Each structure stands twice: as structure tokens, then as C-alpha cells.
């Protein structure tokens, strides 16, 4: 049976869930999963968020167009911002890289293993170094130089926008793409560009973050996946991953652990966005995580290799799962 995901946000008031459920029932849909959240922190100005996953019931003549069109009056009544997605359609993703290949390799591996349902028609690199890696995964690669001068950056971003249009790209992933995007480009693709930052924001920004972390003797390092905005590395956070370290960890050790954190955080963020689980809420995000059985998905998100080794030793009274 065809399946659809409806996401929405609107001012919180009585009757939203009833109206949505009643419409979906009347339209010939069966609810498979429904999640909601009401932000009541600001008295009198609460915002309501909802994600509903439905399937059409046998015999119902439901199409995407009919379901979309019929919901318009409901959305208008409650002042909703909303989207409807056909789950059979995989989001088309353009990945941008520089020289570090761990995040690219991880995303393409998960795509091939079908744990990440995205279509990647192209990888763009401002250096040609990762073309062989993309080719090994059967994905086209285009070298788009992006120098530090304004003209070079403008040309590179112009080419990016052309490709987004030509290839019908739904969103862009910066898989350790080491160039800053202009505010103009960010404004043209709000909520459609995901970046992985090589630190647990907001600490240790800029170059050589793991050397900075080592110099400060940190006990935790991590990575942050976030939406790109004109404010450098300050866009709405989608996911963060941390790892415990100690005095014996060298800068090289921290970098290696950090690469693992980067790929895990980015994979989760891309998956959640692709599954329409992320709703923007100003500078924040509302994440509707996986329902019952999400732990299996969480474990899959930590496994870049075919096997996991489970370490059941107790460390700080916590169960530890290590991936190798």
C-alpha cells in the first residue's frame, strides 16, 4: 500500500490532532505512527509540531495529489506550515567534499547497504582527490574549484545552484566540505544544507580543533551536525555525538576518534532529514526519533563496517557499545 508522511507546525490550540486524524481517516488512510510535541515554554505563544506516517487502506482511491489537495483547508484553518511526502520517493542528495573521505565513504556505504534511503546522483569536490572513492561507489564526481577569491567562490556557488536545479536535488550534505558558503547561497536553500562540524559546538571552532582540545586537556570530544545558515557554524543543531577521552590521548588519537564521531552524527542527521523527522523551530530543531525498534536503527547508524563487536564491560556504570 502507498505510504505518506505528513509533517506540520502551527500555533498550539485545541483540536489540531482531532482535525488531522479525522481528515486522514476520511481520506482513506490508516495511521502507522504519529508523534507530536507542543512547546509550552513561552506562555501564550506555544507552537505545535506533528509528524504522521500513514498508509492507504485497501480499496481506497487515494493519490498523493488527492491527499495533498484535501488537506489544504485543514492546514488553512489552523495556520499550518506543512509538507506531505511519498515514502516511495527517495530524496535526491548532492554531497560536497574536500579531501577528507571518511564521511563520504560512510554515507555511500550506508546508501549501498540500504540503511540510508537516499539517491545520490553526484558528488562535488573543490579538490579532485575523492573522485576515485565516489567512482568506487558508482557515483558521478565533478570537480568544482572554489578558491578564496570572491569571483571563484561566486562561480562555484553558481555551478552548485545550477546542478541543484538540473538534478532536482532535495538537499545538500557538506561531508567535510572545507569552504564557507555565502549568506546569499544559504538564504536560497534554508533548511536544505546539512553540515558536519568537527567539534562539539560551540567549543574549538576553526582550524586544528583536536589540537585545541588536546591543549585544553578535554575529557569529551565530539561532532555536531547542523543546518547551514549565514551565521558560521551556528545553524540549528540536528545531532551531536560525543566520545570520552583522557590524558593519554594524543592529538592524532583525538582526530581519529573525532572522525568516528563525525560520521555517526552526520549519518543520523542525514537519515532523520531524509525521513522527514526534523522540523525547524527558530534556531532550534524538533526531532521525531524512530518509534519502537529505534535502538536497532541506532546500532546500524554506528556500524560503518559489516560487523559490530559488543563490549559488555562496565565503564562508569554504563553499558558500552564499540564499533570496529
C-alpha atoms as a PDB file:
ATOM      1  CA  UNK A   1       0.000   0.000   0.000  1.00  0.00           C
ATOM      2  CA  UNK A   2       1.257   3.538  -0.704  1.00  0.00           C
ATOM      3  CA  UNK A   3       2.608   5.321   2.367  1.00  0.00           C
ATOM      4  CA  UNK A   4       2.930   9.031   3.117  1.00  0.00           C
ATOM      5  CA  UNK A   5       4.474  11.227   5.805  1.00  0.00           C
ATOM      6  CA  UNK A   6       2.730  14.436   6.851  1.00  0.00           C
ATOM      7  CA  UNK A   7       4.691  16.986   8.890  1.00  0.00           C
ATOM      8  CA  UNK A   8       3.285  20.218  10.249  1.00  0.00           C
ATOM      9  CA  UNK A   9       3.750  23.047  12.700  1.00  0.00           C
ATOM     10  CA  UNK A  10       1.321  25.726  13.806  1.00  0.00           C
ATOM     11  CA  UNK A  11       0.276  27.772  16.832  1.00  0.00           C
ATOM     12  CA  UNK A  12      -0.856  25.382  19.543  1.00  0.00           C
ATOM     13  CA  UNK A  13      -4.601  25.186  20.164  1.00  0.00           C
ATOM     14  CA  UNK A  14      -7.310  22.684  20.943  1.00  0.00           C
ATOM     15  CA  UNK A  15      -8.451  20.396  18.140  1.00  0.00           C
ATOM     16  CA  UNK A  16      -5.357  20.032  15.947  1.00  0.00           C
ATOM     17  CA  UNK A  17      -4.833  16.295  16.450  1.00  0.00           C
ATOM     18  CA  UNK A  18      -8.559  15.610  16.074  1.00  0.00           C
ATOM     19  CA  UNK A  19      -8.733  17.568  12.818  1.00  0.00           C
ATOM     20  CA  UNK A  20      -5.684  15.867  11.332  1.00  0.00           C
ATOM     21  CA  UNK A  21      -6.772  12.359  12.366  1.00  0.00           C
ATOM     22  CA  UNK A  22     -10.328  12.911  11.171  1.00  0.00           C
ATOM     23  CA  UNK A  23      -9.163  14.120   7.779  1.00  0.00           C
ATOM     24  CA  UNK A  24      -6.761  11.200   7.307  1.00  0.00           C
ATOM     25  CA  UNK A  25      -9.496   8.719   8.275  1.00  0.00           C
ATOM     26  CA  UNK A  26     -11.979  10.336   5.913  1.00  0.00           C
ATOM     27  CA  UNK A  27      -9.386  10.329   3.117  1.00  0.00           C
ATOM     28  CA  UNK A  28      -8.864   6.575   3.420  1.00  0.00           C
ATOM     29  CA  UNK A  29      -5.637   6.383   5.395  1.00  0.00           C
ATOM     30  CA  UNK A  30      -4.522   4.237   8.301  1.00  0.00           C
ATOM     31  CA  UNK A  31      -2.089   5.815  10.797  1.00  0.00           C
ATOM     32  CA  UNK A  32       1.083   3.741  11.224  1.00  0.00           C
ATOM     33  CA  UNK A  33       2.895   6.157  13.516  1.00  0.00           C
ATOM     34  CA  UNK A  34       2.088   9.562  14.973  1.00  0.00           C
ATOM     35  CA  UNK A  35       4.336  11.823  17.039  1.00  0.00           C
ATOM     36  CA  UNK A  36       3.652  15.301  18.346  1.00  0.00           C
ATOM     37  CA  UNK A  37       5.199  17.988  20.518  1.00  0.00           C
ATOM     38  CA  UNK A  38       3.823  21.173  21.981  1.00  0.00           C
ATOM     39  CA  UNK A  39       6.388  23.795  23.003  1.00  0.00           C
ATOM     40  CA  UNK A  40       4.785  25.449  26.028  1.00  0.00           C
ATOM     41  CA  UNK A  41       7.847  27.289  27.350  1.00  0.00           C
ATOM     42  CA  UNK A  42       6.627  30.711  26.238  1.00  0.00           C
ATOM     43  CA  UNK A  43       3.245  31.223  27.888  1.00  0.00           C
ATOM     44  CA  UNK A  44       0.581  32.137  25.368  1.00  0.00           C
ATOM     45  CA  UNK A  45       2.810  31.623  22.317  1.00  0.00           C
ATOM     46  CA  UNK A  46       3.190  27.867  22.186  1.00  0.00           C
ATOM     47  CA  UNK A  47       3.989  26.108  18.929  1.00  0.00           C
ATOM     48  CA  UNK A  48       2.710  22.661  17.976  1.00  0.00           C
ATOM     49  CA  UNK A  49       4.633  20.127  15.863  1.00  0.00           C
ATOM     50  CA  UNK A  50       3.439  16.841  14.407  1.00  0.00           C
ATOM     51  CA  UNK A  51       4.639  14.001  12.177  1.00  0.00           C
ATOM     52  CA  UNK A  52       2.184  11.372  10.947  1.00  0.00           C
ATOM     53  CA  UNK A  53       3.100   8.296   8.904  1.00  0.00           C
ATOM     54  CA  UNK A  54       0.119   6.734   7.127  1.00  0.00           C
ATOM     55  CA  UNK A  55      -0.732   4.023   4.643  1.00  0.00           C
ATOM     56  CA  UNK A  56      -3.741   3.898   2.354  1.00  0.00           C
ATOM     57  CA  UNK A  57      -6.378   1.337   3.267  1.00  0.00           C
ATOM     58  CA  UNK A  58      -7.287  -1.410   0.770  1.00  0.00           C
ATOM     59  CA  UNK A  59      -9.842  -0.236  -1.757  1.00  0.00           C
ATOM     60  CA  UNK A  60      -9.305   3.482  -1.096  1.00  0.00           C
ATOM     61  CA  UNK A  61      -8.652   5.622  -4.178  1.00  0.00           C
ATOM     62  CA  UNK A  62      -6.030   7.799  -2.553  1.00  0.00           C
ATOM     63  CA  UNK A  63      -3.295   9.533  -4.507  1.00  0.00           C
ATOM     64  CA  UNK A  64      -0.646  11.994  -3.426  1.00  0.00           C
ATOM     65  CA  UNK A  65      -2.463  14.803  -5.215  1.00  0.00           C
ATOM     66  CA  UNK A  66      -5.840  13.996  -3.672  1.00  0.00           C
ATOM     67  CA  UNK A  67      -4.378  13.695  -0.177  1.00  0.00           C
ATOM     68  CA  UNK A  68      -2.437  16.936  -0.586  1.00  0.00           C
ATOM     69  CA  UNK A  69      -5.320  18.884  -2.051  1.00  0.00           C
ATOM     70  CA  UNK A  70      -7.805  17.703   0.548  1.00  0.00           C
ATOM     71  CA  UNK A  71      -5.583  18.782   3.426  1.00  0.00           C
ATOM     72  CA  UNK A  72      -5.252  22.388   2.284  1.00  0.00           C
ATOM     73  CA  UNK A  73      -8.462  23.595   4.037  1.00  0.00           C
ATOM     74  CA  UNK A  74      -7.419  21.861   7.282  1.00  0.00           C
ATOM     75  CA  UNK A  75      -3.999  23.491   7.159  1.00  0.00           C
ATOM     76  CA  UNK A  76      -5.520  26.901   6.442  1.00  0.00           C
ATOM     77  CA  UNK A  77      -7.889  26.652   9.421  1.00  0.00           C
ATOM     78  CA  UNK A  78      -5.001  26.173  11.859  1.00  0.00           C
ATOM     79  CA  UNK A  79      -2.388  28.330  10.100  1.00  0.00           C
ATOM     80  CA  UNK A  80      -0.109  25.376   9.488  1.00  0.00           C
ATOM     81  CA  UNK A  81       3.236  25.171   7.778  1.00  0.00           C
ATOM     82  CA  UNK A  82       3.179  21.657   6.390  1.00  0.00           C
ATOM     83  CA  UNK A  83       4.614  19.153   3.941  1.00  0.00           C
ATOM     84  CA  UNK A  84       3.417  15.842   2.541  1.00  0.00           C
ATOM     85  CA  UNK A  85       5.907  13.240   1.310  1.00  0.00           C
ATOM     86  CA  UNK A  86       5.519   9.966  -0.574  1.00  0.00           C
ATOM     87  CA  UNK A  87       7.795   7.466   1.207  1.00  0.00           C
ATOM     88  CA  UNK A  88       8.378   5.588  -2.048  1.00  0.00           C
ATOM     89  CA  UNK A  89      10.288   8.594  -3.386  1.00  0.00           C
ATOM     90  CA  UNK A  90      13.860   8.688  -2.123  1.00  0.00           C
ATOM     91  CA  UNK A  91      15.251  12.212  -1.513  1.00  0.00           C
ATOM     92  CA  UNK A  92      17.884  13.258  -4.029  1.00  0.00           C
ATOM     93  CA  UNK A  93      21.044  14.358  -2.261  1.00  0.00           C
ATOM     94  CA  UNK A  94      24.093  16.175  -3.550  1.00  0.00           C
ATOM     95  CA  UNK A  95      27.196  15.588  -1.421  1.00  0.00           C
ATOM     96  CA  UNK A  96      30.015  18.138  -1.287  1.00  0.00           C
ATOM     97  CA  UNK A  97      33.539  17.214  -0.169  1.00  0.00           C
ATOM     98  CA  UNK A  98      37.110  18.474   0.003  1.00  0.00           C
ATOM     99  CA  UNK A  99      39.902  15.990   0.824  1.00  0.00           C
ATOM    100  CA  UNK A 100      38.754  14.026   3.898  1.00  0.00           C
ATOM    101  CA  UNK A 101      36.805  10.989   2.723  1.00  0.00           C
ATOM    102  CA  UNK A 102      35.525   9.288   5.887  1.00  0.00           C
ATOM    103  CA  UNK A 103      32.100  10.948   5.920  1.00  0.00           C
ATOM    104  CA  UNK A 104      31.590  10.476   2.170  1.00  0.00           C
ATOM    105  CA  UNK A 105      32.594   6.827   2.337  1.00  0.00           C
ATOM    106  CA  UNK A 106      30.297   6.237   5.295  1.00  0.00           C
ATOM    107  CA  UNK A 107      27.256   7.825   3.648  1.00  0.00           C
ATOM    108  CA  UNK A 108      27.764   5.965   0.387  1.00  0.00           C
ATOM    109  CA  UNK A 109      28.291   2.684   2.232  1.00  0.00           C
ATOM    110  CA  UNK A 110      25.034   3.133   4.158  1.00  0.00           C
ATOM    111  CA  UNK A 111      23.266   4.040   0.938  1.00  0.00           C
ATOM    112  CA  UNK A 112      24.518   0.840  -0.719  1.00  0.00           C
ATOM    113  CA  UNK A 113      23.580  -1.194   2.361  1.00  0.00           C
ATOM    114  CA  UNK A 114      20.094   0.353   2.178  1.00  0.00           C
ATOM    115  CA  UNK A 115      20.241   1.609   5.761  1.00  0.00           C
ATOM    116  CA  UNK A 116      20.126   5.147   4.368  1.00  0.00           C
ATOM    117  CA  UNK A 117      17.381   5.618   1.782  1.00  0.00           C
ATOM    118  CA  UNK A 118      18.737   8.442  -0.342  1.00  0.00           C
ATOM    119  CA  UNK A 119      19.551   8.845  -4.027  1.00  0.00           C
ATOM    120  CA  UNK A 120      22.985  10.400  -4.638  1.00  0.00           C
ATOM    121  CA  UNK A 121      23.311  11.395  -8.302  1.00  0.00           C
ATOM    122  CA  UNK A 122      26.508  13.407  -7.837  1.00  0.00           C
ATOM    123  CA  UNK A 123      29.397  14.255  -5.534  1.00  0.00           C
ATOM    124  CA  UNK A 124      31.027  17.672  -5.880  1.00  0.00           C
ATOM    125  CA  UNK A 125      34.565  18.314  -4.682  1.00  0.00           C
ATOM    126  CA  UNK A 126      36.550  21.516  -4.546  1.00  0.00           C
ATOM    127  CA  UNK A 127      39.552  19.187  -4.912  1.00  0.00           C
ATOM    128  CA  UNK A 128      39.689  16.121  -7.204  1.00  0.00           C
ATOM    129  CA  UNK A 129      41.100  13.819  -4.508  1.00  0.00           C
ATOM    130  CA  UNK A 130      37.895  11.898  -3.740  1.00  0.00           C
ATOM    131  CA  UNK A 131      36.855  11.191  -7.330  1.00  0.00           C
ATOM    132  CA  UNK A 132      38.153   7.573  -7.104  1.00  0.00           C
ATOM    133  CA  UNK A 133      36.183   6.999  -3.898  1.00  0.00           C
ATOM    134  CA  UNK A 134      32.948   8.226  -5.492  1.00  0.00           C
ATOM    135  CA  UNK A 135      33.636   6.102  -8.579  1.00  0.00           C
ATOM    136  CA  UNK A 136      34.177   3.018  -6.415  1.00  0.00           C
ATOM    137  CA  UNK A 137      30.624   3.509  -5.127  1.00  0.00           C
ATOM    138  CA  UNK A 138      29.273   4.072  -8.626  1.00  0.00           C
ATOM    139  CA  UNK A 139      28.541   7.763  -8.112  1.00  0.00           C
ATOM    140  CA  UNK A 140      29.493  10.532 -10.529  1.00  0.00           C
ATOM    141  CA  UNK A 141      32.012  13.139  -9.359  1.00  0.00           C
ATOM    142  CA  UNK A 142      32.509  16.705 -10.537  1.00  0.00           C
ATOM    143  CA  UNK A 143      35.474  18.867  -9.613  1.00  0.00           C
ATOM    144  CA  UNK A 144      34.274  22.415  -8.936  1.00  0.00           C
ATOM    145  CA  UNK A 145      37.229  24.543  -7.783  1.00  0.00           C
ATOM    146  CA  UNK A 146      36.358  27.098  -5.124  1.00  0.00           C
ATOM    147  CA  UNK A 147      39.196  29.464  -4.400  1.00  0.00           C
ATOM    148  CA  UNK A 148      39.401  32.058  -1.670  1.00  0.00           C
ATOM    149  CA  UNK A 149      38.762  34.989  -4.008  1.00  0.00           C
ATOM    150  CA  UNK A 150      35.181  36.272  -4.360  1.00  0.00           C
ATOM    151  CA  UNK A 151      34.943  35.563  -8.109  1.00  0.00           C
ATOM    152  CA  UNK A 152      35.982  31.921  -7.729  1.00  0.00           C
ATOM    153  CA  UNK A 153      33.502  31.398  -4.908  1.00  0.00           C
ATOM    154  CA  UNK A 154      30.730  33.046  -6.900  1.00  0.00           C
ATOM    155  CA  UNK A 155      31.403  30.793  -9.883  1.00  0.00           C
ATOM    156  CA  UNK A 156      31.498  27.685  -7.693  1.00  0.00           C
ATOM    157  CA  UNK A 157      28.223  28.558  -5.984  1.00  0.00           C
ATOM    158  CA  UNK A 158      26.624  29.379  -9.316  1.00  0.00           C
ATOM    159  CA  UNK A 159      27.567  25.936 -10.589  1.00  0.00           C
ATOM    160  CA  UNK A 160      26.184  24.364  -7.405  1.00  0.00           C
ATOM    161  CA  UNK A 161      22.825  26.081  -7.841  1.00  0.00           C
ATOM    162  CA  UNK A 162      22.699  25.034 -11.489  1.00  0.00           C
ATOM    163  CA  UNK A 163      23.280  21.407 -10.503  1.00  0.00           C
ATOM    164  CA  UNK A 164      20.688  21.571  -7.711  1.00  0.00           C
ATOM    165  CA  UNK A 165      18.149  22.680 -10.308  1.00  0.00           C
ATOM    166  CA  UNK A 166      19.248  20.348 -13.127  1.00  0.00           C
ATOM    167  CA  UNK A 167      19.385  17.258 -10.926  1.00  0.00           C
ATOM    168  CA  UNK A 168      16.238  18.078  -8.888  1.00  0.00           C
ATOM    169  CA  UNK A 169      18.236  17.953  -5.657  1.00  0.00           C
ATOM    170  CA  UNK A 170      16.202  17.920  -2.435  1.00  0.00           C
ATOM    171  CA  UNK A 171      19.046  18.749  -0.061  1.00  0.00           C
ATOM    172  CA  UNK A 172      22.817  19.150   0.069  1.00  0.00           C
ATOM    173  CA  UNK A 173      25.230  17.497   2.508  1.00  0.00           C
ATOM    174  CA  UNK A 174      28.600  19.052   3.302  1.00  0.00           C
ATOM    175  CA  UNK A 175      30.630  15.940   4.137  1.00  0.00           C
ATOM    176  CA  UNK A 176      33.686  17.803   5.431  1.00  0.00           C
ATOM    177  CA  UNK A 177      33.489  20.400   2.665  1.00  0.00           C
ATOM    178  CA  UNK A 178      36.048  22.940   3.811  1.00  0.00           C
ATOM    179  CA  UNK A 179      34.705  26.078   2.187  1.00  0.00           C
ATOM    180  CA  UNK A 180      32.367  28.662   3.713  1.00  0.00           C
ATOM    181  CA  UNK A 181      29.121  29.166   1.806  1.00  0.00           C
ATOM    182  CA  UNK A 182      27.974  32.711   1.166  1.00  0.00           C
ATOM    183  CA  UNK A 183      24.983  34.207   3.000  1.00  0.00           C
ATOM    184  CA  UNK A 184      23.270  34.548  -0.384  1.00  0.00           C
ATOM    185  CA  UNK A 185      23.511  30.808  -1.052  1.00  0.00           C
ATOM    186  CA  UNK A 186      22.360  29.961   2.472  1.00  0.00           C
ATOM    187  CA  UNK A 187      19.310  32.196   2.005  1.00  0.00           C
ATOM    188  CA  UNK A 188      18.373  30.389  -1.207  1.00  0.00           C
ATOM    189  CA  UNK A 189      18.405  26.946   0.456  1.00  0.00           C
ATOM    190  CA  UNK A 190      17.177  27.371   4.049  1.00  0.00           C
ATOM    191  CA  UNK A 191      16.885  24.074   5.878  1.00  0.00           C
ATOM    192  CA  UNK A 192      18.267  22.201   2.858  1.00  0.00           C
ATOM    193  CA  UNK A 193      22.013  22.168   3.574  1.00  0.00           C
ATOM    194  CA  UNK A 194      23.437  19.928   6.310  1.00  0.00           C
ATOM    195  CA  UNK A 195      26.988  20.366   7.592  1.00  0.00           C
ATOM    196  CA  UNK A 196      29.144  18.278   9.900  1.00  0.00           C
ATOM    197  CA  UNK A 197      31.344  20.346  12.190  1.00  0.00           C
ATOM    198  CA  UNK A 198      34.451  18.722  13.546  1.00  0.00           C
ATOM    199  CA  UNK A 199      33.843  19.680  17.161  1.00  0.00           C
ATOM    200  CA  UNK A 200      31.168  19.646  19.818  1.00  0.00           C
ATOM    201  CA  UNK A 201      29.874  23.157  19.124  1.00  0.00           C
ATOM    202  CA  UNK A 202      30.380  25.825  20.233  1.00  0.00           C
ATOM    203  CA  UNK A 203      33.838  24.804  21.518  1.00  0.00           C
ATOM    204  CA  UNK A 204      37.045  24.842  19.499  1.00  0.00           C
ATOM    205  CA  UNK A 205      35.973  26.441  16.261  1.00  0.00           C
ATOM    206  CA  UNK A 206      38.309  26.992  13.340  1.00  0.00           C
ATOM    207  CA  UNK A 207      41.428  25.125  12.296  1.00  0.00           C
ATOM    208  CA  UNK A 208      43.041  22.227  14.168  1.00  0.00           C
ATOM    209  CA  UNK A 209      40.165  21.716  16.631  1.00  0.00           C
ATOM    210  CA  UNK A 210      41.585  18.494  18.050  1.00  0.00           C
ATOM    211  CA  UNK A 211      44.908  20.155  18.777  1.00  0.00           C
ATOM    212  CA  UNK A 212      42.966  22.883  20.600  1.00  0.00           C
ATOM    213  CA  UNK A 213      41.076  20.201  22.514  1.00  0.00           C
ATOM    214  CA  UNK A 214      44.319  18.420  23.406  1.00  0.00           C
ATOM    215  CA  UNK A 215      45.894  21.653  24.621  1.00  0.00           C
ATOM    216  CA  UNK A 216      42.919  22.217  26.924  1.00  0.00           C
ATOM    217  CA  UNK A 217      43.042  18.666  28.280  1.00  0.00           C
ATOM    218  CA  UNK A 218      39.429  17.915  27.420  1.00  0.00           C
ATOM    219  CA  UNK A 219      37.691  14.765  28.618  1.00  0.00           C
ATOM    220  CA  UNK A 220      34.982  14.798  25.958  1.00  0.00           C
ATOM    221  CA  UNK A 221      35.230  15.461  22.243  1.00  0.00           C
ATOM    222  CA  UNK A 222      32.545  15.262  19.635  1.00  0.00           C
ATOM    223  CA  UNK A 223      30.951  16.419  16.427  1.00  0.00           C
ATOM    224  CA  UNK A 224      27.891  18.471  15.502  1.00  0.00           C
ATOM    225  CA  UNK A 225      25.582  18.074  12.504  1.00  0.00           C
ATOM    226  CA  UNK A 226      23.585  21.207  11.815  1.00  0.00           C
ATOM    227  CA  UNK A 227      21.757  23.142   9.144  1.00  0.00           C
ATOM    228  CA  UNK A 228      23.841  25.758   7.373  1.00  0.00           C
ATOM    229  CA  UNK A 229      22.920  29.408   7.832  1.00  0.00           C
ATOM    230  CA  UNK A 230      24.678  32.696   7.211  1.00  0.00           C
ATOM    231  CA  UNK A 231      25.930  32.541  10.818  1.00  0.00           C
ATOM    232  CA  UNK A 232      29.037  30.387  10.528  1.00  0.00           C
ATOM    233  CA  UNK A 233      28.622  27.053  12.358  1.00  0.00           C
ATOM    234  CA  UNK A 234      25.662  28.379  14.325  1.00  0.00           C
ATOM    235  CA  UNK A 235      22.747  26.918  12.375  1.00  0.00           C
ATOM    236  CA  UNK A 236      20.037  24.798  14.032  1.00  0.00           C
ATOM    237  CA  UNK A 237      21.585  21.656  15.506  1.00  0.00           C
ATOM    238  CA  UNK A 238      20.253  18.315  14.298  1.00  0.00           C
ATOM    239  CA  UNK A 239      22.526  15.875  16.118  1.00  0.00           C
ATOM    240  CA  UNK A 240      25.641  15.780  18.294  1.00  0.00           C
ATOM    241  CA  UNK A 241      27.903  12.850  19.118  1.00  0.00           C
ATOM    242  CA  UNK A 242      30.468  12.747  21.931  1.00  0.00           C
ATOM    243  CA  UNK A 243      33.237  10.370  22.975  1.00  0.00           C
ATOM    244  CA  UNK A 244      35.133  10.174  26.268  1.00  0.00           C
ATOM    245  CA  UNK A 245      38.923  10.659  26.139  1.00  0.00           C
ATOM    246  CA  UNK A 246      41.678  11.182  28.700  1.00  0.00           C
ATOM    247  CA  UNK A 247      45.204  12.469  29.205  1.00  0.00           C
ATOM    248  CA  UNK A 248      46.734   9.563  27.295  1.00  0.00           C
ATOM    249  CA  UNK A 249      45.033  10.553  24.035  1.00  0.00           C
ATOM    250  CA  UNK A 250      47.335  12.287  21.557  1.00  0.00           C
ATOM    251  CA  UNK A 251      46.078  14.860  19.034  1.00  0.00           C
ATOM    252  CA  UNK A 252      46.193  12.076  16.436  1.00  0.00           C
ATOM    253  CA  UNK A 253      44.094   9.845  18.712  1.00  0.00           C
ATOM    254  CA  UNK A 254      41.569  12.641  19.185  1.00  0.00           C
ATOM    255  CA  UNK A 255      41.390  13.212  15.440  1.00  0.00           C
ATOM    256  CA  UNK A 256      40.737   9.509  14.808  1.00  0.00           C
ATOM    257  CA  UNK A 257      38.047   9.353  17.490  1.00  0.00           C
ATOM    258  CA  UNK A 258      36.650  12.598  16.136  1.00  0.00           C
ATOM    259  CA  UNK A 259      36.352  11.194  12.625  1.00  0.00           C
ATOM    260  CA  UNK A 260      34.232   8.373  14.025  1.00  0.00           C
ATOM    261  CA  UNK A 261      32.004  10.864  15.849  1.00  0.00           C
ATOM    262  CA  UNK A 262      31.668  12.959  12.700  1.00  0.00           C
ATOM    263  CA  UNK A 263      30.451  10.133  10.507  1.00  0.00           C
ATOM    264  CA  UNK A 264      27.969   8.895  13.145  1.00  0.00           C
ATOM    265  CA  UNK A 265      26.465  12.329  13.795  1.00  0.00           C
ATOM    266  CA  UNK A 266      26.245  13.133  10.083  1.00  0.00           C
ATOM    267  CA  UNK A 267      24.677   9.769   9.195  1.00  0.00           C
ATOM    268  CA  UNK A 268      21.983  10.242  11.822  1.00  0.00           C
ATOM    269  CA  UNK A 269      21.261  13.795  10.703  1.00  0.00           C
ATOM    270  CA  UNK A 270      21.001  12.825   7.038  1.00  0.00           C
ATOM    271  CA  UNK A 271      18.763   9.876   7.827  1.00  0.00           C
ATOM    272  CA  UNK A 272      16.430  11.891  10.045  1.00  0.00           C
ATOM    273  CA  UNK A 273      16.180  14.655   7.463  1.00  0.00           C
ATOM    274  CA  UNK A 274      15.597  12.157   4.648  1.00  0.00           C
ATOM    275  CA  UNK A 275      12.828  10.515   6.693  1.00  0.00           C
ATOM    276  CA  UNK A 276      11.230  13.915   7.403  1.00  0.00           C
ATOM    277  CA  UNK A 277      11.809  13.670  11.133  1.00  0.00           C
ATOM    278  CA  UNK A 278      13.331  17.138  11.565  1.00  0.00           C
ATOM    279  CA  UNK A 279      11.184  20.253  11.932  1.00  0.00           C
ATOM    280  CA  UNK A 280      12.745  23.691  12.261  1.00  0.00           C
ATOM    281  CA  UNK A 281      11.792  25.729  15.305  1.00  0.00           C
ATOM    282  CA  UNK A 282      13.579  29.060  15.003  1.00  0.00           C
ATOM    283  CA  UNK A 283      17.216  28.442  15.874  1.00  0.00           C
ATOM    284  CA  UNK A 284      16.335  25.003  17.211  1.00  0.00           C
ATOM    285  CA  UNK A 285      15.009  21.757  15.778  1.00  0.00           C
ATOM    286  CA  UNK A 286      12.298  19.318  16.804  1.00  0.00           C
ATOM    287  CA  UNK A 287      13.423  15.745  16.102  1.00  0.00           C
ATOM    288  CA  UNK A 288      10.809  12.993  15.956  1.00  0.00           C
ATOM    289  CA  UNK A 289      13.044   9.996  16.500  1.00  0.00           C
ATOM    290  CA  UNK A 290      12.313   6.464  15.418  1.00  0.00           C
ATOM    291  CA  UNK A 291       9.445   4.735  17.241  1.00  0.00           C
ATOM    292  CA  UNK A 292       9.624   1.259  18.844  1.00  0.00           C
ATOM    293  CA  UNK A 293      12.665  -0.526  17.460  1.00  0.00           C
ATOM    294  CA  UNK A 294      14.705   2.671  17.143  1.00  0.00           C
ATOM    295  CA  UNK A 295      17.604   1.029  19.011  1.00  0.00           C
ATOM    296  CA  UNK A 296      18.250  -1.280  16.060  1.00  0.00           C
ATOM    297  CA  UNK A 297      18.482   1.776  13.828  1.00  0.00           C
ATOM    298  CA  UNK A 298      20.764   3.477  16.314  1.00  0.00           C
ATOM    299  CA  UNK A 299      23.079   0.479  16.284  1.00  0.00           C
ATOM    300  CA  UNK A 300      23.019   0.403  12.486  1.00  0.00           C
ATOM    301  CA  UNK A 301      23.983   4.086  12.456  1.00  0.00           C
ATOM    302  CA  UNK A 302      27.154   3.210  14.359  1.00  0.00           C
ATOM    303  CA  UNK A 303      28.287   0.422  12.034  1.00  0.00           C
ATOM    304  CA  UNK A 304      30.342   1.535   9.038  1.00  0.00           C
ATOM    305  CA  UNK A 305      31.761  -1.968   8.701  1.00  0.00           C
ATOM    306  CA  UNK A 306      29.823  -5.207   8.210  1.00  0.00           C
ATOM    307  CA  UNK A 307      30.273  -6.282  11.844  1.00  0.00           C
ATOM    308  CA  UNK A 308      29.831  -4.869  15.330  1.00  0.00           C
ATOM    309  CA  UNK A 309      31.685  -6.055  18.402  1.00  0.00           C
ATOM    310  CA  UNK A 310      29.761  -5.621  21.633  1.00  0.00           C
ATOM    311  CA  UNK A 311      31.813  -4.878  24.728  1.00  0.00           C
ATOM    312  CA  UNK A 312      29.715  -5.608  27.798  1.00  0.00           C
ATOM    313  CA  UNK A 313      32.315  -4.368  30.261  1.00  0.00           C
ATOM    314  CA  UNK A 314      31.177  -1.789  32.752  1.00  0.00           C
ATOM    315  CA  UNK A 315      32.729   1.635  32.480  1.00  0.00           C
ATOM    316  CA  UNK A 316      31.383   4.392  34.718  1.00  0.00           C
ATOM    317  CA  UNK A 317      28.401   2.095  35.382  1.00  0.00           C
ATOM    318  CA  UNK A 318      27.284   2.318  31.775  1.00  0.00           C
ATOM    319  CA  UNK A 319      26.894  -0.298  29.045  1.00  0.00           C
ATOM    320  CA  UNK A 320      29.342   0.471  26.277  1.00  0.00           C
ATOM    321  CA  UNK A 321      28.909  -0.441  22.615  1.00  0.00           C
ATOM    322  CA  UNK A 322      32.020  -0.145  20.499  1.00  0.00           C
ATOM    323  CA  UNK A 323      32.143  -0.250  16.721  1.00  0.00           C
ATOM    324  CA  UNK A 324      35.170  -1.521  14.843  1.00  0.00           C
END
